[in-house]
Amino acid sequence: MSGFYFFQSRSKVQLLCACLIGLSIVLLLVHQTRKVHDDELLDRTEKLQQLVTREIRLLHQSGKKYNLMEEFDGQSLFNNKAECTLDYMNTNKLPQDHPCVIETIRKNYLNKPSPPEVPLKLDSEGDHDRSPGQTGVIFRLLKNQTKGFFVECGALNGEFMSNTIDLERKFNWGGILIEANPETFKKLISRNRKAWTLPVCLSLEPYPTQASFQMKVVDPGHSHIEGAAKTLQKPGIPGVDPGLVTIQCFPFYSILLAVGRTQVDFFSLDVEGHEMQILKTIPWHKVDIKSLTVEWDNMPEGKDALINFMEESGFIKIGAFDFLWSRDVIFIKDLINTH
């Protein structure tokens, strides 16, 4: 009996030892796996911290408030900076908030505002309104706001038919000027505007693209990317329409992030027919735009479709312009809280 008890006890000890050894192996494997995971997580965290530090430093240098990539979780960090090329970005249709997209805009396309002490170079003097009427209406709608922020796409040469020059020179506004026509952009950048300037077009998709662009030498105000716009003509007309050129396009939201600004007081959009497609790329829940003027005359979708879309996006139609050179609809985000 005692021998059987000893044998049974010995078996239990052996079983217990085996269990302890097995448990130790499992714990060791878990520890090693967790260590690898922690190392990977630490590496990703360090990369994210480096990115954020760089973003904040650049924004502090520009004097803007940090307000971008609030939903960035580190997943979109590109592993190799050598991959961040135009071909890679366009081919892979990188999201509009991808760091590669934003870094590309900043390094290759974004021009800083001219210093405050540098005088503007305008073709004409005087206090007359350069716009067909948009500036005065928006200024009143925003209750005579000073030091606001605008975005003007279809900025032309920065003076003629400009919807923002008087907000800048009279009321200390700043902003972003976007003009895709390479020849017209040369004149724009020579104005010494106190705004960021970019020689690009706005993408019709929520990712970077390249597009064929029709430059109109005699009538640059009707230059635009190739598509269904009513003003598109066959290229090659002597003195009017040279051959199509390739232009890089970025989403509107990407350009805002590149500047470090998602709050806009006035957005002027005039791109000769592609306005609706551009508006549909904007993540409206991530931006705060108070007011817009949108040209509708050359849009295939028509004026009513524009109004319906903007109302669905949370805007109110205030009125419309019907001038010789401008047929715009005016939208505002909130009548009561505008200031």
Protein backbone atom coordinates (compact mmCIF):
# COMPACT_ATOMS: atom_id res chain seq x y z
CA MET A 1 0.00 0.00 0.00
CA SER A 2 2.76 2.38 0.92
CA GLY A 3 4.62 1.50 -2.30
CA PHE A 4 1.57 2.29 -4.39
CA TYR A 5 1.11 5.59 -2.57
CA PHE A 6 4.76 6.47 -3.24
CA PHE A 7 4.40 5.61 -6.93
CA GLN A 8 1.19 7.65 -7.17
CA SER A 9 2.79 10.65 -5.43
CA ARG A 10 5.82 10.41 -7.71
CA SER A 11 3.57 10.40 -10.77
CA LYS A 12 1.77 13.49 -9.51
CA VAL A 13 5.09 15.27 -8.99
CA GLN A 14 6.23 14.35 -12.49
CA LEU A 15 2.93 15.55 -13.93
CA LEU A 16 3.19 18.79 -11.98
CA CYS A 17 6.76 19.33 -13.20
CA ALA A 18 5.69 18.70 -16.77
CA CYS A 19 2.87 21.20 -16.39
CA LEU A 20 5.22 23.80 -14.93
CA ILE A 21 7.71 23.29 -17.75
CA GLY A 22 4.93 23.60 -20.34
CA LEU A 23 3.60 26.73 -18.69
CA SER A 24 7.09 28.23 -18.63
CA ILE A 25 7.49 27.59 -22.34
CA VAL A 26 4.11 29.22 -23.08
CA LEU A 27 4.96 32.25 -20.95
CA LEU A 28 8.34 32.54 -22.67
CA LEU A 29 6.73 32.43 -26.11
CA VAL A 30 4.12 35.01 -25.07
CA HIS A 31 6.83 37.23 -23.66
CA GLN A 32 8.89 36.98 -26.85
CA THR A 33 5.83 37.60 -29.05
CA ARG A 34 4.78 40.52 -26.91
CA LYS A 35 8.32 41.88 -27.00
CA VAL A 36 8.31 41.78 -30.81
CA HIS A 37 4.89 43.44 -30.84
CA ASP A 38 6.02 46.06 -28.35
CA ASP A 39 9.15 46.76 -30.39
CA GLU A 40 7.06 47.20 -33.53
CA LEU A 41 4.59 49.40 -31.66
CA LEU A 42 7.44 51.46 -30.20
CA ASP A 43 8.97 51.87 -33.66
CA ARG A 44 5.64 53.02 -35.13
CA THR A 45 5.05 55.33 -32.17
CA GLU A 46 8.47 56.93 -32.60
CA LYS A 47 7.78 57.47 -36.30
CA LEU A 48 4.42 59.02 -35.51
CA GLN A 49 5.94 61.29 -32.86
CA GLN A 50 8.62 62.41 -35.32
CA LEU A 51 5.93 63.19 -37.90
CA VAL A 52 3.78 65.13 -35.47
CA THR A 53 6.81 67.03 -34.15
CA ARG A 54 7.71 68.05 -37.70
CA GLU A 55 4.11 69.08 -38.42
CA ILE A 56 3.92 71.27 -35.32
CA ARG A 57 7.31 72.87 -36.02
CA LEU A 58 6.28 73.76 -39.56
CA LEU A 59 2.96 75.11 -38.39
CA HIS A 60 4.59 77.24 -35.70
CA GLN A 61 6.92 78.67 -38.31
CA SER A 62 3.96 79.54 -40.51
CA GLY A 63 2.04 81.11 -37.62
CA LYS A 64 -0.96 78.81 -38.13
CA LYS A 65 -2.84 76.83 -35.51
CA TYR A 66 -2.36 73.09 -35.36
CA ASN A 67 -5.59 71.57 -36.64
CA LEU A 68 -5.03 68.61 -38.91
CA MET A 69 -5.04 64.83 -39.16
CA GLU A 70 -7.14 64.50 -36.03
CA GLU A 71 -8.02 60.93 -37.00
CA PHE A 72 -4.48 59.90 -37.99
CA ASP A 73 -3.61 56.60 -36.30
CA GLY A 74 -0.19 55.94 -37.78
CA GLN A 75 -1.42 53.34 -40.26
CA SER A 76 -0.70 55.57 -43.26
CA LEU A 77 2.96 56.19 -42.44
CA PHE A 78 4.98 55.30 -45.52
CA ASN A 79 7.90 53.04 -44.69
CA ASN A 80 10.40 54.40 -47.17
CA LYS A 81 10.68 58.05 -48.13
CA ALA A 82 12.05 56.96 -51.48
CA GLU A 83 8.54 55.69 -52.24
CA CYS A 84 7.09 59.18 -51.86
CA THR A 85 7.18 60.23 -55.50
CA LEU A 86 4.56 61.67 -57.82
CA ASP A 87 4.29 58.39 -59.70
CA TYR A 88 3.91 56.39 -56.50
CA MET A 89 1.37 58.84 -55.09
CA ASN A 90 -0.77 59.02 -58.23
CA THR A 91 -0.54 55.34 -59.17
CA ASN A 92 -1.50 54.13 -55.70
CA LYS A 93 -4.24 56.75 -55.29
CA LEU A 94 -3.00 57.70 -51.83
CA PRO A 95 -5.68 59.07 -49.49
CA GLN A 96 -5.98 62.83 -49.34
CA ASP A 97 -4.66 62.94 -45.76
CA HIS A 98 -1.67 60.67 -46.42
CA PRO A 99 1.62 62.16 -45.11
CA CYS A 100 3.28 61.54 -48.49
CA VAL A 101 0.64 63.66 -50.25
CA ILE A 102 0.94 66.50 -47.76
CA GLU A 103 4.75 66.41 -47.75
CA THR A 104 4.80 66.47 -51.57
CA ILE A 105 2.60 69.56 -51.66
CA ARG A 106 4.77 71.35 -49.12
CA LYS A 107 8.10 70.50 -50.71
CA ASN A 108 7.26 70.92 -54.38
CA TYR A 109 4.20 73.13 -54.85
CA LEU A 110 3.48 75.36 -51.85
CA ASN A 111 4.85 78.92 -51.96
CA LYS A 112 4.88 80.95 -48.75
CA PRO A 113 2.99 84.24 -48.43
CA SER A 114 4.98 87.35 -49.21
CA PRO A 115 6.19 89.16 -46.05
CA PRO A 116 3.87 91.92 -44.75
CA GLU A 117 6.45 94.65 -45.39
CA VAL A 118 6.77 93.78 -49.09
CA PRO A 119 4.36 95.95 -51.13
CA LEU A 120 1.88 94.46 -53.57
CA LYS A 121 2.62 94.79 -57.27
CA LEU A 122 -0.70 95.59 -58.91
CA ASP A 123 -1.44 96.75 -62.44
CA SER A 124 -3.84 99.43 -61.28
CA GLU A 125 -4.11 101.70 -58.27
CA GLY A 126 -7.20 102.77 -56.35
CA ASP A 127 -9.63 101.23 -53.90
CA HIS A 128 -12.14 99.92 -56.42
CA ASP A 129 -13.35 96.34 -55.97
CA ARG A 130 -11.41 94.00 -58.26
CA SER A 131 -14.10 91.30 -58.05
CA PRO A 132 -17.42 91.41 -59.94
CA GLY A 133 -19.12 91.94 -56.58
CA GLN A 134 -18.38 88.85 -54.50
CA THR A 135 -15.96 90.57 -52.11
CA GLY A 136 -18.41 93.16 -50.84
CA VAL A 137 -21.24 90.65 -50.38
CA ILE A 138 -19.10 88.14 -48.49
CA PHE A 139 -17.61 90.88 -46.32
CA ARG A 140 -21.09 92.00 -45.28
CA LEU A 141 -22.30 88.44 -44.72
CA LEU A 142 -19.37 87.85 -42.39
CA LYS A 143 -20.22 91.05 -40.51
CA ASN A 144 -17.17 93.01 -41.65
CA GLN A 145 -14.75 90.39 -40.41
CA THR A 146 -11.07 91.31 -40.49
CA LYS A 147 -8.06 88.97 -40.49
CA GLY A 148 -10.09 86.17 -42.03
CA PHE A 149 -8.87 83.26 -44.13
CA PHE A 150 -9.83 82.60 -47.75
CA VAL A 151 -9.22 79.97 -50.44
CA GLU A 152 -9.56 81.05 -54.07
CA CYS A 153 -9.33 78.42 -56.78
CA GLY A 154 -9.22 79.92 -60.21
CA ALA A 155 -7.18 82.80 -58.81
CA LEU A 156 -6.00 83.96 -62.26
CA ASN A 157 -3.18 86.52 -61.98
CA GLY A 158 -4.02 87.53 -58.43
CA GLU A 159 -5.60 90.86 -59.35
CA PHE A 160 -7.91 90.79 -62.38
CA MET A 161 -11.36 89.53 -61.36
CA SER A 162 -9.93 88.51 -57.99
CA ASN A 163 -12.48 87.69 -55.32
CA THR A 164 -9.91 87.97 -52.53
CA ILE A 165 -7.39 90.73 -53.24
CA ASP A 166 -9.47 93.40 -51.51
CA LEU A 167 -10.10 91.22 -48.46
CA GLU A 168 -6.33 90.91 -48.24
CA ARG A 169 -5.20 94.48 -48.87
CA LYS A 170 -8.04 96.30 -47.10
CA PHE A 171 -8.97 93.99 -44.23
CA ASN A 172 -5.79 92.01 -43.46
CA TRP A 173 -7.05 88.63 -44.65
CA GLY A 174 -4.73 85.79 -45.57
CA GLY A 175 -5.37 82.58 -47.41
CA ILE A 176 -4.57 80.22 -50.27
CA LEU A 177 -4.49 81.03 -54.00
CA ILE A 178 -4.67 78.14 -56.49
CA GLU A 179 -4.08 78.65 -60.22
CA ALA A 180 -3.36 75.78 -62.60
CA ASN A 181 -2.51 77.80 -65.72
CA PRO A 182 1.32 77.89 -65.69
CA GLU A 183 1.58 81.19 -67.56
CA THR A 184 -1.05 82.93 -65.46
CA PHE A 185 0.54 81.60 -62.26
CA LYS A 186 3.79 83.40 -63.12
CA LYS A 187 1.89 86.69 -62.98
CA LEU A 188 0.11 85.65 -59.79
CA ILE A 189 3.28 84.88 -57.88
CA SER A 190 4.83 88.20 -58.95
CA ARG A 191 2.06 90.15 -57.15
CA ASN A 192 3.58 89.60 -53.69
CA ARG A 193 0.23 88.43 -52.36
CA LYS A 194 0.09 87.77 -48.63
CA ALA A 195 -1.25 84.28 -49.24
CA TRP A 196 -0.01 80.78 -49.93
CA THR A 197 0.14 80.09 -53.69
CA LEU A 198 0.10 76.81 -55.62
CA PRO A 199 0.47 76.09 -59.37
CA VAL A 200 -1.86 73.07 -59.31
CA CYS A 201 -5.42 72.11 -60.07
CA LEU A 202 -7.94 70.72 -57.59
CA SER A 203 -8.42 66.99 -58.02
CA LEU A 204 -11.79 65.64 -59.13
CA GLU A 205 -11.13 62.58 -56.94
CA PRO A 206 -10.35 62.18 -53.21
CA TYR A 207 -6.73 61.39 -54.11
CA PRO A 208 -3.96 63.03 -56.19
CA THR A 209 -4.26 62.83 -59.96
CA GLN A 210 -2.74 64.24 -63.10
CA ALA A 211 -4.96 65.89 -65.69
CA SER A 212 -4.74 67.37 -69.16
CA PHE A 213 -5.13 71.13 -68.95
CA GLN A 214 -6.19 73.51 -71.68
CA MET A 215 -4.40 76.85 -71.43
CA LYS A 216 -6.15 79.71 -73.17
CA VAL A 217 -3.58 82.38 -73.96
CA VAL A 218 -5.97 85.14 -74.99
CA ASP A 219 -8.67 84.23 -72.47
CA PRO A 220 -6.91 82.68 -69.44
CA GLY A 221 -10.07 82.98 -67.34
CA HIS A 222 -11.55 80.11 -69.34
CA SER A 223 -8.57 77.79 -68.95
CA HIS A 224 -9.48 74.51 -67.31
CA ILE A 225 -8.74 70.80 -67.09
CA GLU A 226 -10.02 68.60 -69.89
CA GLY A 227 -13.48 67.16 -69.43
CA ALA A 228 -17.15 67.77 -70.01
CA ALA A 229 -17.06 71.51 -69.36
CA LYS A 230 -18.97 73.62 -71.89
CA THR A 231 -15.95 75.85 -72.56
CA LEU A 232 -13.66 73.01 -73.67
CA GLN A 233 -12.52 73.51 -77.26
CA LYS A 234 -10.34 71.49 -79.58
CA PRO A 235 -6.68 72.25 -78.83
CA GLY A 236 -4.45 73.89 -81.38
CA ILE A 237 -6.47 76.97 -82.34
CA PRO A 238 -3.80 79.59 -83.26
CA GLY A 239 -3.41 82.32 -80.65
CA VAL A 240 -6.12 80.93 -78.39
CA ASP A 241 -5.75 77.28 -77.46
CA PRO A 242 -2.28 75.74 -77.45
CA GLY A 243 -1.93 72.00 -77.00
CA LEU A 244 -3.01 70.41 -73.76
CA VAL A 245 -0.45 70.31 -70.95
CA THR A 246 -0.26 67.88 -68.02
CA ILE A 247 -0.96 69.41 -64.60
CA GLN A 248 -0.71 67.84 -61.16
CA CYS A 249 -3.95 67.93 -59.16
CA PHE A 250 -4.44 67.58 -55.40
CA PRO A 251 -7.62 67.26 -53.35
CA PHE A 252 -8.84 70.46 -51.70
CA TYR A 253 -8.53 68.86 -48.26
CA SER A 254 -4.90 67.86 -48.89
CA ILE A 255 -3.98 71.47 -49.64
CA LEU A 256 -5.67 72.64 -46.44
CA LEU A 257 -3.67 70.09 -44.44
CA ALA A 258 -0.46 71.14 -46.16
CA VAL A 259 -1.02 74.69 -44.94
CA GLY A 260 -2.19 73.47 -41.53
CA ARG A 261 -5.63 75.01 -41.77
CA THR A 262 -9.08 73.42 -41.84
CA GLN A 263 -11.06 76.55 -40.93
CA VAL A 264 -11.91 78.74 -43.91
CA ASP A 265 -14.00 81.91 -43.82
CA PHE A 266 -14.52 82.23 -47.58
CA PHE A 267 -14.00 79.70 -50.38
CA SER A 268 -14.21 80.99 -53.97
CA LEU A 269 -14.48 78.18 -56.55
CA ASP A 270 -14.39 78.97 -60.27
CA VAL A 271 -12.88 76.22 -62.43
CA GLU A 272 -14.99 76.36 -65.59
CA GLY A 273 -17.23 73.36 -65.18
CA HIS A 274 -15.74 70.91 -62.64
CA GLU A 275 -16.99 72.62 -59.48
CA MET A 276 -19.41 69.87 -58.45
CA GLN A 277 -16.83 67.10 -58.77
CA ILE A 278 -14.40 69.05 -56.61
CA LEU A 279 -17.00 69.78 -53.94
CA LYS A 280 -17.82 66.07 -53.72
CA THR A 281 -14.22 65.26 -52.70
CA ILE A 282 -14.37 67.45 -49.58
CA PRO A 283 -14.83 65.65 -46.22
CA TRP A 284 -17.25 68.23 -44.88
CA HIS A 285 -17.18 66.79 -41.34
CA LYS A 286 -13.44 67.58 -41.15
CA VAL A 287 -13.51 71.18 -42.34
CA ASP A 288 -15.21 74.36 -41.18
CA ILE A 289 -16.07 76.60 -44.13
CA LYS A 290 -18.26 79.59 -43.38
CA SER A 291 -19.11 80.84 -46.86
CA LEU A 292 -18.64 79.96 -50.53
CA THR A 293 -19.24 81.38 -53.96
CA VAL A 294 -19.39 78.70 -56.67
CA GLU A 295 -19.61 79.39 -60.38
CA TRP A 296 -22.25 77.15 -61.96
CA ASP A 297 -22.60 78.44 -65.53
CA ASN A 298 -20.31 75.82 -67.12
CA MET A 299 -21.28 72.90 -64.88
CA PRO A 300 -22.88 69.98 -66.76
CA GLU A 301 -24.92 69.17 -63.63
CA GLY A 302 -26.55 72.62 -63.58
CA LYS A 303 -27.42 75.17 -60.92
CA ASP A 304 -30.19 73.21 -59.17
CA ALA A 305 -27.98 70.17 -58.70
CA LEU A 306 -25.33 72.39 -57.11
CA ILE A 307 -27.81 73.95 -54.71
CA ASN A 308 -29.24 70.56 -53.72
CA PHE A 309 -25.79 69.14 -53.04
CA MET A 310 -24.69 72.10 -50.93
CA GLU A 311 -27.91 72.03 -48.92
CA GLU A 312 -27.35 68.33 -48.23
CA SER A 313 -23.84 69.26 -47.06
CA GLY A 314 -25.24 71.71 -44.52
CA PHE A 315 -25.16 75.03 -46.36
CA ILE A 316 -27.80 77.64 -47.07
CA LYS A 317 -28.19 79.40 -50.40
CA ILE A 318 -28.13 83.16 -49.79
CA GLY A 319 -28.28 84.47 -53.33
CA ALA A 320 -26.59 84.45 -56.72
CA PHE A 321 -24.56 86.65 -59.04
CA ASP A 322 -25.49 86.95 -62.69
CA PHE A 323 -22.85 89.19 -64.22
CA LEU A 324 -21.23 89.25 -67.62
CA TRP A 325 -18.15 87.35 -66.38
CA SER A 326 -19.52 85.62 -63.31
CA ARG A 327 -22.56 83.51 -62.56
CA ASP A 328 -22.07 82.33 -58.99
CA VAL A 329 -24.26 80.95 -56.23
CA ILE A 330 -23.55 82.21 -52.71
CA PHE A 331 -23.69 79.75 -49.82
CA ILE A 332 -23.23 80.25 -46.11
CA LYS A 333 -22.84 77.68 -43.32
CA ASP A 334 -24.76 79.28 -40.49
CA LEU A 335 -26.64 82.57 -40.57
CA ILE A 336 -26.90 82.93 -36.80
CA ASN A 337 -23.37 82.08 -35.67
CA THR A 338 -21.47 83.87 -38.41
CA HIS A 339 -19.05 86.42 -37.01
